[in-house]
Amino acid sequence: MRYRIDQDQLWEFLARQARLVERLPIEAAEAAADGYRDGLDDAEREAVWLAAGIATFIGQAIADEPERFIVAAGDRVAA
């Protein structure tokens, strides 16, 4: 059997998670203010923070429910 990525489901999930990450109350700047030093300026730190947040959600979802994003090739029309 062949499988493929359900792109519609993946993009919908990414959009929801991106909105969630952007609303998180803890910001990377607070970590820097608390003494965490990473060598990044404020803009770079924010970009890394957002990317790490979304990557964490994606990895967890794929580990927990791979069938949510991987389907039999004939089940859904490719986007």
PDB file of N, CA and C in Angstrom:
ATOM      1  N   MET A   1       0.849  -1.178   0.000  1.00  0.00           N
ATOM      2  CA  MET A   1       0.000   0.000   0.000  1.00  0.00           C
ATOM      3  C   MET A   1       0.893   1.239   0.000  1.00  0.00           C
ATOM      4  N   ARG A   2       0.480   2.230  -0.739  1.00  0.00           N
ATOM      5  CA  ARG A   2       1.219   3.493  -0.794  1.00  0.00           C
ATOM      6  C   ARG A   2       0.553   4.515   0.113  1.00  0.00           C
ATOM      7  N   TYR A   3       1.351   5.389   0.663  1.00  0.00           N
ATOM      8  CA  TYR A   3       0.851   6.434   1.565  1.00  0.00           C
ATOM      9  C   TYR A   3       1.300   7.795   1.053  1.00  0.00           C
ATOM     10  N   ARG A   4       0.638   8.817   1.551  1.00  0.00           N
ATOM     11  CA  ARG A   4       1.024  10.185   1.211  1.00  0.00           C
ATOM     12  C   ARG A   4       0.665  11.090   2.394  1.00  0.00           C
ATOM     13  N   ILE A   5       1.177  12.293   2.352  1.00  0.00           N
ATOM     14  CA  ILE A   5       0.867  13.292   3.380  1.00  0.00           C
ATOM     15  C   ILE A   5      -0.466  13.937   3.028  1.00  0.00           C
ATOM     16  N   ASP A   6      -1.355  14.010   3.990  1.00  0.00           N
ATOM     17  CA  ASP A   6      -2.631  14.703   3.804  1.00  0.00           C
ATOM     18  C   ASP A   6      -2.349  16.197   3.993  1.00  0.00           C
ATOM     19  N   GLN A   7      -2.054  16.867   2.900  1.00  0.00           N
ATOM     20  CA  GLN A   7      -1.638  18.270   2.971  1.00  0.00           C
ATOM     21  C   GLN A   7      -2.713  19.185   3.517  1.00  0.00           C
ATOM     22  N   ASP A   8      -3.957  18.940   3.193  1.00  0.00           N
ATOM     23  CA  ASP A   8      -5.033  19.784   3.722  1.00  0.00           C
ATOM     24  C   ASP A   8      -5.064  19.715   5.248  1.00  0.00           C
ATOM     25  N   GLN A   9      -4.995  18.511   5.774  1.00  0.00           N
ATOM     26  CA  GLN A   9      -5.021  18.329   7.227  1.00  0.00           C
ATOM     27  C   GLN A   9      -3.780  18.955   7.875  1.00  0.00           C
ATOM     28  N   LEU A  10      -2.623  18.771   7.237  1.00  0.00           N
ATOM     29  CA  LEU A  10      -1.380  19.329   7.778  1.00  0.00           C
ATOM     30  C   LEU A  10      -1.417  20.854   7.791  1.00  0.00           C
ATOM     31  N   TRP A  11      -1.855  21.482   6.699  1.00  0.00           N
ATOM     32  CA  TRP A  11      -1.889  22.947   6.644  1.00  0.00           C
ATOM     33  C   TRP A  11      -2.899  23.523   7.633  1.00  0.00           C
ATOM     34  N   GLU A  12      -4.040  22.843   7.780  1.00  0.00           N
ATOM     35  CA  GLU A  12      -5.035  23.295   8.759  1.00  0.00           C
ATOM     36  C   GLU A  12      -4.450  23.233  10.177  1.00  0.00           C
ATOM     37  N   PHE A  13      -3.783  22.147  10.477  1.00  0.00           N
ATOM     38  CA  PHE A  13      -3.141  21.987  11.779  1.00  0.00           C
ATOM     39  C   PHE A  13      -2.072  23.065  11.992  1.00  0.00           C
ATOM     40  N   LEU A  14      -1.238  23.287  10.993  1.00  0.00           N
ATOM     41  CA  LEU A  14      -0.173  24.298  11.109  1.00  0.00           C
ATOM     42  C   LEU A  14      -0.735  25.690  11.359  1.00  0.00           C
ATOM     43  N   ALA A  15      -1.798  26.035  10.659  1.00  0.00           N
ATOM     44  CA  ALA A  15      -2.398  27.361  10.840  1.00  0.00           C
ATOM     45  C   ALA A  15      -2.909  27.537  12.266  1.00  0.00           C
ATOM     46  N   ARG A  16      -3.610  26.506  12.799  1.00  0.00           N
ATOM     47  CA  ARG A  16      -4.115  26.590  14.177  1.00  0.00           C
ATOM     48  C   ARG A  16      -2.968  26.693  15.174  1.00  0.00           C
ATOM     49  N   GLN A  17      -1.932  25.889  14.987  1.00  0.00           N
ATOM     50  CA  GLN A  17      -0.832  25.884  15.936  1.00  0.00           C
ATOM     51  C   GLN A  17      -0.011  27.171  15.863  1.00  0.00           C
ATOM     52  N   ALA A  18       0.151  27.714  14.658  1.00  0.00           N
ATOM     53  CA  ALA A  18       0.875  28.980  14.517  1.00  0.00           C
ATOM     54  C   ALA A  18       0.160  30.090  15.275  1.00  0.00           C
ATOM     55  N   ARG A  19      -1.171  30.133  15.166  1.00  0.00           N
ATOM     56  CA  ARG A  19      -1.926  31.154  15.915  1.00  0.00           C
ATOM     57  C   ARG A  19      -1.749  30.958  17.419  1.00  0.00           C
ATOM     58  N   LEU A  20      -1.746  29.710  17.860  1.00  0.00           N
ATOM     59  CA  LEU A  20      -1.567  29.417  19.280  1.00  0.00           C
ATOM     60  C   LEU A  20      -0.191  29.855  19.763  1.00  0.00           C
ATOM     61  N   VAL A  21       0.849  29.516  19.022  1.00  0.00           N
ATOM     62  CA  VAL A  21       2.219  29.881  19.414  1.00  0.00           C
ATOM     63  C   VAL A  21       2.365  31.394  19.506  1.00  0.00           C
ATOM     64  N   GLU A  22       1.770  32.111  18.574  1.00  0.00           N
ATOM     65  CA  GLU A  22       1.869  33.573  18.595  1.00  0.00           C
ATOM     66  C   GLU A  22       1.162  34.187  19.801  1.00  0.00           C
ATOM     67  N   ARG A  23       0.204  33.479  20.372  1.00  0.00           N
ATOM     68  CA  ARG A  23      -0.536  33.998  21.528  1.00  0.00           C
ATOM     69  C   ARG A  23       0.044  33.566  22.860  1.00  0.00           C
ATOM     70  N   LEU A  24       1.084  32.739  22.853  1.00  0.00           N
ATOM     71  CA  LEU A  24       1.630  32.257  24.121  1.00  0.00           C
ATOM     72  C   LEU A  24       2.014  33.430  25.022  1.00  0.00           C
ATOM     73  N   PRO A  25       1.664  33.358  26.296  1.00  0.00           N
ATOM     74  CA  PRO A  25       1.932  34.484  27.198  1.00  0.00           C
ATOM     75  C   PRO A  25       3.401  34.664  27.554  1.00  0.00           C
ATOM     76  N   ILE A  26       4.193  33.618  27.469  1.00  0.00           N
ATOM     77  CA  ILE A  26       5.617  33.721  27.807  1.00  0.00           C
ATOM     78  C   ILE A  26       6.381  34.035  26.541  1.00  0.00           C
ATOM     79  N   GLU A  27       7.171  35.071  26.584  1.00  0.00           N
ATOM     80  CA  GLU A  27       7.928  35.479  25.408  1.00  0.00           C
ATOM     81  C   GLU A  27       9.407  35.207  25.605  1.00  0.00           C
ATOM     82  N   ALA A  28      10.107  35.053  24.494  1.00  0.00           N
ATOM     83  CA  ALA A  28      11.543  34.802  24.544  1.00  0.00           C
ATOM     84  C   ALA A  28      12.278  35.957  25.224  1.00  0.00           C
ATOM     85  N   ALA A  29      11.762  37.155  25.079  1.00  0.00           N
ATOM     86  CA  ALA A  29      12.410  38.310  25.705  1.00  0.00           C
ATOM     87  C   ALA A  29      12.436  38.173  27.228  1.00  0.00           C
ATOM     88  N   GLU A  30      11.397  37.556  27.796  1.00  0.00           N
ATOM     89  CA  GLU A  30      11.380  37.348  29.245  1.00  0.00           C
ATOM     90  C   GLU A  30      12.501  36.410  29.673  1.00  0.00           C
ATOM     91  N   ALA A  31      12.765  35.387  28.883  1.00  0.00           N
ATOM     92  CA  ALA A  31      13.852  34.464  29.190  1.00  0.00           C
ATOM     93  C   ALA A  31      15.185  35.202  29.154  1.00  0.00           C
ATOM     94  N   ALA A  32      15.359  36.063  28.178  1.00  0.00           N
ATOM     95  CA  ALA A  32      16.608  36.835  28.092  1.00  0.00           C
ATOM     96  C   ALA A  32      16.740  37.773  29.284  1.00  0.00           C
ATOM     97  N   ALA A  33      15.636  38.380  29.684  1.00  0.00           N
ATOM     98  CA  ALA A  33      15.655  39.283  30.834  1.00  0.00           C
ATOM     99  C   ALA A  33      15.983  38.541  32.124  1.00  0.00           C
ATOM    100  N   ASP A  34      15.637  37.252  32.162  1.00  0.00           N
ATOM    101  CA  ASP A  34      15.915  36.438  33.349  1.00  0.00           C
ATOM    102  C   ASP A  34      17.334  35.886  33.365  1.00  0.00           C
ATOM    103  N   GLY A  35      18.139  36.292  32.385  1.00  0.00           N
ATOM    104  CA  GLY A  35      19.540  35.878  32.398  1.00  0.00           C
ATOM    105  C   GLY A  35      19.910  34.810  31.394  1.00  0.00           C
ATOM    106  N   TYR A  36      18.967  34.330  30.642  1.00  0.00           N
ATOM    107  CA  TYR A  36      19.284  33.334  29.625  1.00  0.00           C
ATOM    108  C   TYR A  36      19.957  34.046  28.457  1.00  0.00           C
ATOM    109  N   ARG A  37      21.176  33.665  28.146  1.00  0.00           N
ATOM    110  CA  ARG A  37      21.929  34.323  27.066  1.00  0.00           C
ATOM    111  C   ARG A  37      22.133  33.348  25.924  1.00  0.00           C
ATOM    112  N   ASP A  38      21.718  33.759  24.736  1.00  0.00           N
ATOM    113  CA  ASP A  38      21.833  32.889  23.577  1.00  0.00           C
ATOM    114  C   ASP A  38      22.608  33.522  22.424  1.00  0.00           C
ATOM    115  N   GLY A  39      23.057  34.742  22.576  1.00  0.00           N
ATOM    116  CA  GLY A  39      23.824  35.406  21.534  1.00  0.00           C
ATOM    117  C   GLY A  39      22.972  35.959  20.393  1.00  0.00           C
ATOM    118  N   LEU A  40      21.661  35.949  20.549  1.00  0.00           N
ATOM    119  CA  LEU A  40      20.772  36.445  19.506  1.00  0.00           C
ATOM    120  C   LEU A  40      20.260  37.835  19.853  1.00  0.00           C
ATOM    121  N   ASP A  41      19.980  38.629  18.813  1.00  0.00           N
ATOM    122  CA  ASP A  41      19.331  39.910  19.099  1.00  0.00           C
ATOM    123  C   ASP A  41      17.835  39.637  19.279  1.00  0.00           C
ATOM    124  N   ASP A  42      17.082  40.658  19.654  1.00  0.00           N
ATOM    125  CA  ASP A  42      15.658  40.466  19.974  1.00  0.00           C
ATOM    126  C   ASP A  42      14.857  39.878  18.814  1.00  0.00           C
ATOM    127  N   ALA A  43      15.097  40.354  17.584  1.00  0.00           N
ATOM    128  CA  ALA A  43      14.350  39.863  16.426  1.00  0.00           C
ATOM    129  C   ALA A  43      14.689  38.399  16.140  1.00  0.00           C
ATOM    130  N   GLU A  44      15.975  38.061  16.208  1.00  0.00           N
ATOM    131  CA  GLU A  44      16.377  36.665  15.985  1.00  0.00           C
ATOM    132  C   GLU A  44      15.804  35.751  17.060  1.00  0.00           C
ATOM    133  N   ARG A  45      15.816  36.207  18.284  1.00  0.00           N
ATOM    134  CA  ARG A  45      15.292  35.409  19.395  1.00  0.00           C
ATOM    135  C   ARG A  45      13.803  35.145  19.215  1.00  0.00           C
ATOM    136  N   GLU A  46      13.048  36.144  18.803  1.00  0.00           N
ATOM    137  CA  GLU A  46      11.618  35.954  18.586  1.00  0.00           C
ATOM    138  C   GLU A  46      11.373  34.951  17.464  1.00  0.00           C
ATOM    139  N   ALA A  47      12.140  35.047  16.381  1.00  0.00           N
ATOM    140  CA  ALA A  47      11.978  34.118  15.263  1.00  0.00           C
ATOM    141  C   ALA A  47      12.275  32.683  15.702  1.00  0.00           C
ATOM    142  N   VAL A  48      13.346  32.502  16.458  1.00  0.00           N
ATOM    143  CA  VAL A  48      13.699  31.167  16.945  1.00  0.00           C
ATOM    144  C   VAL A  48      12.627  30.652  17.897  1.00  0.00           C
ATOM    145  N   TRP A  49      12.133  31.510  18.753  1.00  0.00           N
ATOM    146  CA  TRP A  49      11.091  31.132  19.719  1.00  0.00           C
ATOM    147  C   TRP A  49       9.845  30.626  18.991  1.00  0.00           C
ATOM    148  N   LEU A  50       9.400  31.374  17.979  1.00  0.00           N
ATOM    149  CA  LEU A  50       8.216  30.975  17.226  1.00  0.00           C
ATOM    150  C   LEU A  50       8.453  29.669  16.478  1.00  0.00           C
ATOM    151  N   ALA A  51       9.601  29.545  15.836  1.00  0.00           N
ATOM    152  CA  ALA A  51       9.903  28.324  15.088  1.00  0.00           C
ATOM    153  C   ALA A  51       9.987  27.111  16.014  1.00  0.00           C
ATOM    154  N   ALA A  52      10.613  27.282  17.161  1.00  0.00           N
ATOM    155  CA  ALA A  52      10.717  26.169  18.115  1.00  0.00           C
ATOM    156  C   ALA A  52       9.345  25.777  18.646  1.00  0.00           C
ATOM    157  N   GLY A  53       8.497  26.753  18.884  1.00  0.00           N
ATOM    158  CA  GLY A  53       7.150  26.464  19.379  1.00  0.00           C
ATOM    159  C   GLY A  53       6.346  25.651  18.380  1.00  0.00           C
ATOM    160  N   ILE A  54       6.363  26.078  17.121  1.00  0.00           N
ATOM    161  CA  ILE A  54       5.589  25.356  16.117  1.00  0.00           C
ATOM    162  C   ILE A  54       6.200  23.983  15.852  1.00  0.00           C
ATOM    163  N   ALA A  55       7.519  23.881  15.853  1.00  0.00           N
ATOM    164  CA  ALA A  55       8.177  22.584  15.637  1.00  0.00           C
ATOM    165  C   ALA A  55       7.821  21.602  16.747  1.00  0.00           C
ATOM    166  N   THR A  56       7.726  22.094  17.962  1.00  0.00           N
ATOM    167  CA  THR A  56       7.354  21.235  19.087  1.00  0.00           C
ATOM    168  C   THR A  56       5.951  20.683  18.909  1.00  0.00           C
ATOM    169  N   PHE A  57       4.998  21.548  18.549  1.00  0.00           N
ATOM    170  CA  PHE A  57       3.622  21.095  18.332  1.00  0.00           C
ATOM    171  C   PHE A  57       3.536  20.083  17.188  1.00  0.00           C
ATOM    172  N   ILE A  58       4.250  20.342  16.096  1.00  0.00           N
ATOM    173  CA  ILE A  58       4.213  19.444  14.948  1.00  0.00           C
ATOM    174  C   ILE A  58       4.789  18.078  15.318  1.00  0.00           C
ATOM    175  N   GLY A  59       5.953  18.084  15.946  1.00  0.00           N
ATOM    176  CA  GLY A  59       6.586  16.823  16.326  1.00  0.00           C
ATOM    177  C   GLY A  59       5.728  16.005  17.266  1.00  0.00           C
ATOM    178  N   GLN A  60       5.125  16.653  18.229  1.00  0.00           N
ATOM    179  CA  GLN A  60       4.272  15.948  19.182  1.00  0.00           C
ATOM    180  C   GLN A  60       3.048  15.359  18.501  1.00  0.00           C
ATOM    181  N   ALA A  61       2.429  16.124  17.612  1.00  0.00           N
ATOM    182  CA  ALA A  61       1.245  15.636  16.917  1.00  0.00           C
ATOM    183  C   ALA A  61       1.567  14.449  16.015  1.00  0.00           C
ATOM    184  N   ILE A  62       2.688  14.517  15.317  1.00  0.00           N
ATOM    185  CA  ILE A  62       3.074  13.412  14.441  1.00  0.00           C
ATOM    186  C   ILE A  62       3.408  12.170  15.269  1.00  0.00           C
ATOM    187  N   ALA A  63       4.067  12.345  16.397  1.00  0.00           N
ATOM    188  CA  ALA A  63       4.389  11.212  17.261  1.00  0.00           C
ATOM    189  C   ALA A  63       3.132  10.597  17.862  1.00  0.00           C
ATOM    190  N   ASP A  64       2.184  11.433  18.262  1.00  0.00           N
ATOM    191  CA  ASP A  64       0.967  10.952  18.918  1.00  0.00           C
ATOM    192  C   ASP A  64      -0.063  10.376  17.942  1.00  0.00           C
ATOM    193  N   GLU A  65      -0.222  11.020  16.785  1.00  0.00           N
ATOM    194  CA  GLU A  65      -1.268  10.633  15.845  1.00  0.00           C
ATOM    195  C   GLU A  65      -0.785  10.687  14.397  1.00  0.00           C
ATOM    196  N   PRO A  66       0.145   9.837  13.986  1.00  0.00           N
ATOM    197  CA  PRO A  66       0.653   9.922  12.616  1.00  0.00           C
ATOM    198  C   PRO A  66      -0.449   9.726  11.567  1.00  0.00           C
ATOM    199  N   GLU A  67      -1.457   8.926  11.909  1.00  0.00           N
ATOM    200  CA  GLU A  67      -2.538   8.667  10.955  1.00  0.00           C
ATOM    201  C   GLU A  67      -3.345   9.928  10.641  1.00  0.00           C
ATOM    202  N   ARG A  68      -3.172  10.944  11.445  1.00  0.00           N
ATOM    203  CA  ARG A  68      -3.865  12.210  11.214  1.00  0.00           C
ATOM    204  C   ARG A  68      -3.334  12.916   9.968  1.00  0.00           C
ATOM    205  N   PHE A  69      -2.044  12.690   9.646  1.00  0.00           N
ATOM    206  CA  PHE A  69      -1.396  13.392   8.547  1.00  0.00           C
ATOM    207  C   PHE A  69      -0.922  12.468   7.418  1.00  0.00           C
ATOM    208  N   ILE A  70      -0.900  11.171   7.672  1.00  0.00           N
ATOM    209  CA  ILE A  70      -0.440  10.203   6.679  1.00  0.00           C
ATOM    210  C   ILE A  70      -1.623   9.299   6.340  1.00  0.00           C
ATOM    211  N   VAL A  71      -1.997   9.276   5.076  1.00  0.00           N
ATOM    212  CA  VAL A  71      -3.159   8.493   4.657  1.00  0.00           C
ATOM    213  C   VAL A  71      -2.780   7.604   3.475  1.00  0.00           C
ATOM    214  N   ALA A  72      -3.602   6.596   3.252  1.00  0.00           N
ATOM    215  CA  ALA A  72      -3.420   5.755   2.066  1.00  0.00           C
ATOM    216  C   ALA A  72      -3.526   6.646   0.836  1.00  0.00           C
ATOM    217  N   ALA A  73      -2.719   6.394  -0.156  1.00  0.00           N
ATOM    218  CA  ALA A  73      -2.643   7.261  -1.335  1.00  0.00           C
ATOM    219  C   ALA A  73      -3.992   7.441  -2.031  1.00  0.00           C
ATOM    220  N   GLY A  74      -4.874   6.466  -1.970  1.00  0.00           N
ATOM    221  CA  GLY A  74      -6.154   6.576  -2.656  1.00  0.00           C
ATOM    222  C   GLY A  74      -7.278   7.167  -1.817  1.00  0.00           C
ATOM    223  N   ASP A  75      -7.034   7.455  -0.508  1.00  0.00           N
ATOM    224  CA  ASP A  75      -8.108   7.904   0.377  1.00  0.00           C
ATOM    225  C   ASP A  75      -8.589   9.317   0.104  1.00  0.00           C
ATOM    226  N   ARG A  76      -7.680  10.209  -0.215  1.00  0.00           N
ATOM    227  CA  ARG A  76      -8.052  11.608  -0.412  1.00  0.00           C
ATOM    228  C   ARG A  76      -7.351  12.146  -1.638  1.00  0.00           C
ATOM    229  N   VAL A  77      -7.948  13.125  -2.250  1.00  0.00           N
ATOM    230  CA  VAL A  77      -7.371  13.746  -3.440  1.00  0.00           C
ATOM    231  C   VAL A  77      -6.184  14.602  -3.028  1.00  0.00           C
ATOM    232  N   ALA A  78      -5.071  14.470  -3.718  1.00  0.00           N
ATOM    233  CA  ALA A  78      -3.875  15.262  -3.409  1.00  0.00           C
ATOM    234  C   ALA A  78      -4.149  16.735  -3.677  1.00  0.00           C
ATOM    235  N   ALA A  79      -3.583  17.580  -2.814  1.00  0.00           N
ATOM    236  CA  ALA A  79      -3.780  19.029  -2.968  1.00  0.00           C
ATOM    237  C   ALA A  79      -2.918  19.594  -4.058  1.00  0.00           C
TER     238      ALA A  79
END
